[in-house]
Amino acid sequence: DVIPQKVQSMRLGVEKVENPDYQGWLEKKSTWLKQWRKRYFVLKKEFLYYSVDENSPPHGFVDLSQALTVMSSDEKAGREFAFEIKLKDSCFLLVAPSEKNRSDWIST
């Protein structure tokens, strides 16, 4: 059964992601208020965790094994260096600080 993202994030129980595959700052468009918020992202295997900063435990994640597409999305986001992770029931819009950084996130 599908567990809503908010409930999943409360059940994370992850204090710190050890030995990440990739990590860094991105801006994420919030689900409810549609505002851009800077978040620290950590990729570990098929999970992309996010938190308010490098020292805080993750408060949410994206299961990339469920992703239908991951692609550049400047036009949809209305921002340069944007990309989206499209899942069956949701879409995460993210913005990287540079073109190279966006390419690294998409290809990792």
C-alpha atoms as a PDB file:
ATOM      1  CA  ASP A   1       0.000   0.000   0.000  1.00  0.00           C
ATOM      2  CA  VAL A   2       1.091   3.548  -0.701  1.00  0.00           C
ATOM      3  CA  ILE A   3       2.163   5.607   2.301  1.00  0.00           C
ATOM      4  CA  PRO A   4       1.872   9.385   1.850  1.00  0.00           C
ATOM      5  CA  GLN A   5       5.216  11.230   1.678  1.00  0.00           C
ATOM      6  CA  LYS A   6       4.520  13.121   4.924  1.00  0.00           C
ATOM      7  CA  VAL A   7       3.910   9.887   6.837  1.00  0.00           C
ATOM      8  CA  GLN A   8       6.972   8.266   5.273  1.00  0.00           C
ATOM      9  CA  SER A   9       9.189  11.137   6.382  1.00  0.00           C
ATOM     10  CA  MET A  10       7.969  10.809   9.979  1.00  0.00           C
ATOM     11  CA  ARG A  11       8.917   7.125   9.901  1.00  0.00           C
ATOM     12  CA  LEU A  12      12.401   7.660   8.478  1.00  0.00           C
ATOM     13  CA  GLY A  13      14.286   7.013  11.683  1.00  0.00           C
ATOM     14  CA  VAL A  14      17.512   7.959   9.889  1.00  0.00           C
ATOM     15  CA  GLU A  15      19.762  10.179  11.953  1.00  0.00           C
ATOM     16  CA  LYS A  16      22.586  10.440   9.433  1.00  0.00           C
ATOM     17  CA  VAL A  17      23.225   8.889   6.033  1.00  0.00           C
ATOM     18  CA  GLU A  18      26.682   7.311   6.092  1.00  0.00           C
ATOM     19  CA  ASN A  19      28.937   7.101   3.012  1.00  0.00           C
ATOM     20  CA  PRO A  20      26.618   8.897   0.566  1.00  0.00           C
ATOM     21  CA  ASP A  21      26.958   8.385  -3.179  1.00  0.00           C
ATOM     22  CA  TYR A  22      26.449  12.126  -3.762  1.00  0.00           C
ATOM     23  CA  GLN A  23      25.381  15.122  -1.670  1.00  0.00           C
ATOM     24  CA  GLY A  24      24.862  18.864  -1.813  1.00  0.00           C
ATOM     25  CA  TRP A  25      22.514  21.834  -1.691  1.00  0.00           C
ATOM     26  CA  LEU A  26      19.496  22.095  -3.985  1.00  0.00           C
ATOM     27  CA  GLU A  27      16.326  24.141  -3.913  1.00  0.00           C
ATOM     28  CA  LYS A  28      13.116  22.125  -3.697  1.00  0.00           C
ATOM     29  CA  LYS A  29       9.648  23.392  -4.541  1.00  0.00           C
ATOM     30  CA  SER A  30       7.436  22.718  -1.535  1.00  0.00           C
ATOM     31  CA  THR A  31       4.427  20.493  -2.059  1.00  0.00           C
ATOM     32  CA  TRP A  32       1.819  22.618  -0.287  1.00  0.00           C
ATOM     33  CA  LEU A  33       2.904  26.259  -0.473  1.00  0.00           C
ATOM     34  CA  LYS A  34       4.745  25.948  -3.812  1.00  0.00           C
ATOM     35  CA  GLN A  35       7.643  27.973  -2.420  1.00  0.00           C
ATOM     36  CA  TRP A  36      11.295  27.281  -3.193  1.00  0.00           C
ATOM     37  CA  ARG A  37      13.232  26.098  -0.155  1.00  0.00           C
ATOM     38  CA  LYS A  38      16.933  25.380   0.116  1.00  0.00           C
ATOM     39  CA  ARG A  39      17.514  21.814   1.313  1.00  0.00           C
ATOM     40  CA  TYR A  40      20.531  19.592   1.791  1.00  0.00           C
ATOM     41  CA  PHE A  41      20.214  16.431  -0.307  1.00  0.00           C
ATOM     42  CA  VAL A  42      22.020  13.133   0.206  1.00  0.00           C
ATOM     43  CA  LEU A  43      21.874  10.309  -2.329  1.00  0.00           C
ATOM     44  CA  LYS A  44      22.440   6.795  -0.991  1.00  0.00           C
ATOM     45  CA  LYS A  45      21.698   3.927  -3.360  1.00  0.00           C
ATOM     46  CA  GLU A  46      18.125   4.456  -4.617  1.00  0.00           C
ATOM     47  CA  PHE A  47      17.119   6.915  -1.877  1.00  0.00           C
ATOM     48  CA  LEU A  48      17.437  10.686  -2.119  1.00  0.00           C
ATOM     49  CA  TYR A  49      17.120  12.121   1.403  1.00  0.00           C
ATOM     50  CA  TYR A  50      16.648  15.797   2.219  1.00  0.00           C
ATOM     51  CA  SER A  51      16.981  17.907   5.332  1.00  0.00           C
ATOM     52  CA  VAL A  52      17.196  21.557   6.359  1.00  0.00           C
ATOM     53  CA  ASP A  53      21.011  21.421   6.650  1.00  0.00           C
ATOM     54  CA  GLU A  54      24.009  19.068   6.659  1.00  0.00           C
ATOM     55  CA  ASN A  55      23.742  18.408  10.396  1.00  0.00           C
ATOM     56  CA  SER A  56      19.999  17.718  10.679  1.00  0.00           C
ATOM     57  CA  PRO A  57      18.460  14.273  10.258  1.00  0.00           C
ATOM     58  CA  PRO A  58      16.555  13.850   6.981  1.00  0.00           C
ATOM     59  CA  HIS A  59      12.899  14.819   7.162  1.00  0.00           C
ATOM     60  CA  GLY A  60      11.945  13.370   3.793  1.00  0.00           C
ATOM     61  CA  PHE A  61      13.129  11.245   0.933  1.00  0.00           C
ATOM     62  CA  VAL A  62      12.421  10.202  -2.631  1.00  0.00           C
ATOM     63  CA  ASP A  63      12.572   6.514  -3.575  1.00  0.00           C
ATOM     64  CA  LEU A  64      14.305   6.789  -6.940  1.00  0.00           C
ATOM     65  CA  SER A  65      13.499   3.164  -7.773  1.00  0.00           C
ATOM     66  CA  GLN A  66       9.932   4.453  -8.256  1.00  0.00           C
ATOM     67  CA  ALA A  67      10.981   7.310 -10.560  1.00  0.00           C
ATOM     68  CA  LEU A  68       9.456   7.312 -14.035  1.00  0.00           C
ATOM     69  CA  THR A  69      11.779  10.073 -15.315  1.00  0.00           C
ATOM     70  CA  VAL A  70      14.550  12.361 -14.106  1.00  0.00           C
ATOM     71  CA  MET A  71      15.156  15.217 -16.533  1.00  0.00           C
ATOM     72  CA  SER A  72      15.965  18.891 -17.002  1.00  0.00           C
ATOM     73  CA  SER A  73      12.953  21.090 -16.394  1.00  0.00           C
ATOM     74  CA  ASP A  74      13.860  24.803 -16.648  1.00  0.00           C
ATOM     75  CA  GLU A  75      10.635  25.744 -18.406  1.00  0.00           C
ATOM     76  CA  LYS A  76       8.306  23.925 -16.006  1.00  0.00           C
ATOM     77  CA  ALA A  77      10.105  25.308 -12.947  1.00  0.00           C
ATOM     78  CA  GLY A  78      10.582  28.766 -14.417  1.00  0.00           C
ATOM     79  CA  ARG A  79      14.161  28.589 -13.121  1.00  0.00           C
ATOM     80  CA  GLU A  80      17.581  27.959 -14.623  1.00  0.00           C
ATOM     81  CA  PHE A  81      19.324  24.621 -13.779  1.00  0.00           C
ATOM     82  CA  ALA A  82      16.045  22.958 -12.760  1.00  0.00           C
ATOM     83  CA  PHE A  83      15.262  19.274 -12.986  1.00  0.00           C
ATOM     84  CA  GLU A  84      12.338  17.101 -12.029  1.00  0.00           C
ATOM     85  CA  ILE A  85      11.912  13.658 -10.583  1.00  0.00           C
ATOM     86  CA  LYS A  86       8.594  12.322 -11.772  1.00  0.00           C
ATOM     87  CA  LEU A  87       6.954   9.526  -9.799  1.00  0.00           C
ATOM     88  CA  LYS A  88       3.640   7.807 -10.475  1.00  0.00           C
ATOM     89  CA  ASP A  89       1.679  10.069  -8.098  1.00  0.00           C
ATOM     90  CA  SER A  90       3.947  13.078  -7.619  1.00  0.00           C
ATOM     91  CA  CYS A  91       6.702  15.223  -9.049  1.00  0.00           C
ATOM     92  CA  PHE A  92       9.669  16.791  -7.277  1.00  0.00           C
ATOM     93  CA  LEU A  93      11.002  20.009  -8.797  1.00  0.00           C
ATOM     94  CA  LEU A  94      14.584  20.793  -7.843  1.00  0.00           C
ATOM     95  CA  VAL A  95      17.059  23.533  -8.778  1.00  0.00           C
ATOM     96  CA  ALA A  96      20.827  23.109  -8.764  1.00  0.00           C
ATOM     97  CA  PRO A  97      23.326  25.976  -8.378  1.00  0.00           C
ATOM     98  CA  SER A  98      24.914  25.352 -11.804  1.00  0.00           C
ATOM     99  CA  GLU A  99      24.532  23.418 -15.063  1.00  0.00           C
ATOM    100  CA  LYS A 100      27.396  21.092 -14.111  1.00  0.00           C
ATOM    101  CA  ASN A 101      25.831  20.405 -10.720  1.00  0.00           C
ATOM    102  CA  ARG A 102      22.462  19.650 -12.338  1.00  0.00           C
ATOM    103  CA  SER A 103      24.138  17.251 -14.791  1.00  0.00           C
ATOM    104  CA  ASP A 104      25.936  15.537 -11.919  1.00  0.00           C
ATOM    105  CA  TRP A 105      22.689  15.024  -9.980  1.00  0.00           C
ATOM    106  CA  ILE A 106      20.831  13.711 -13.027  1.00  0.00           C
ATOM    107  CA  SER A 107      23.605  11.306 -14.048  1.00  0.00           C
ATOM    108  CA  THR A 108      24.425   9.988 -10.571  1.00  0.00           C
END
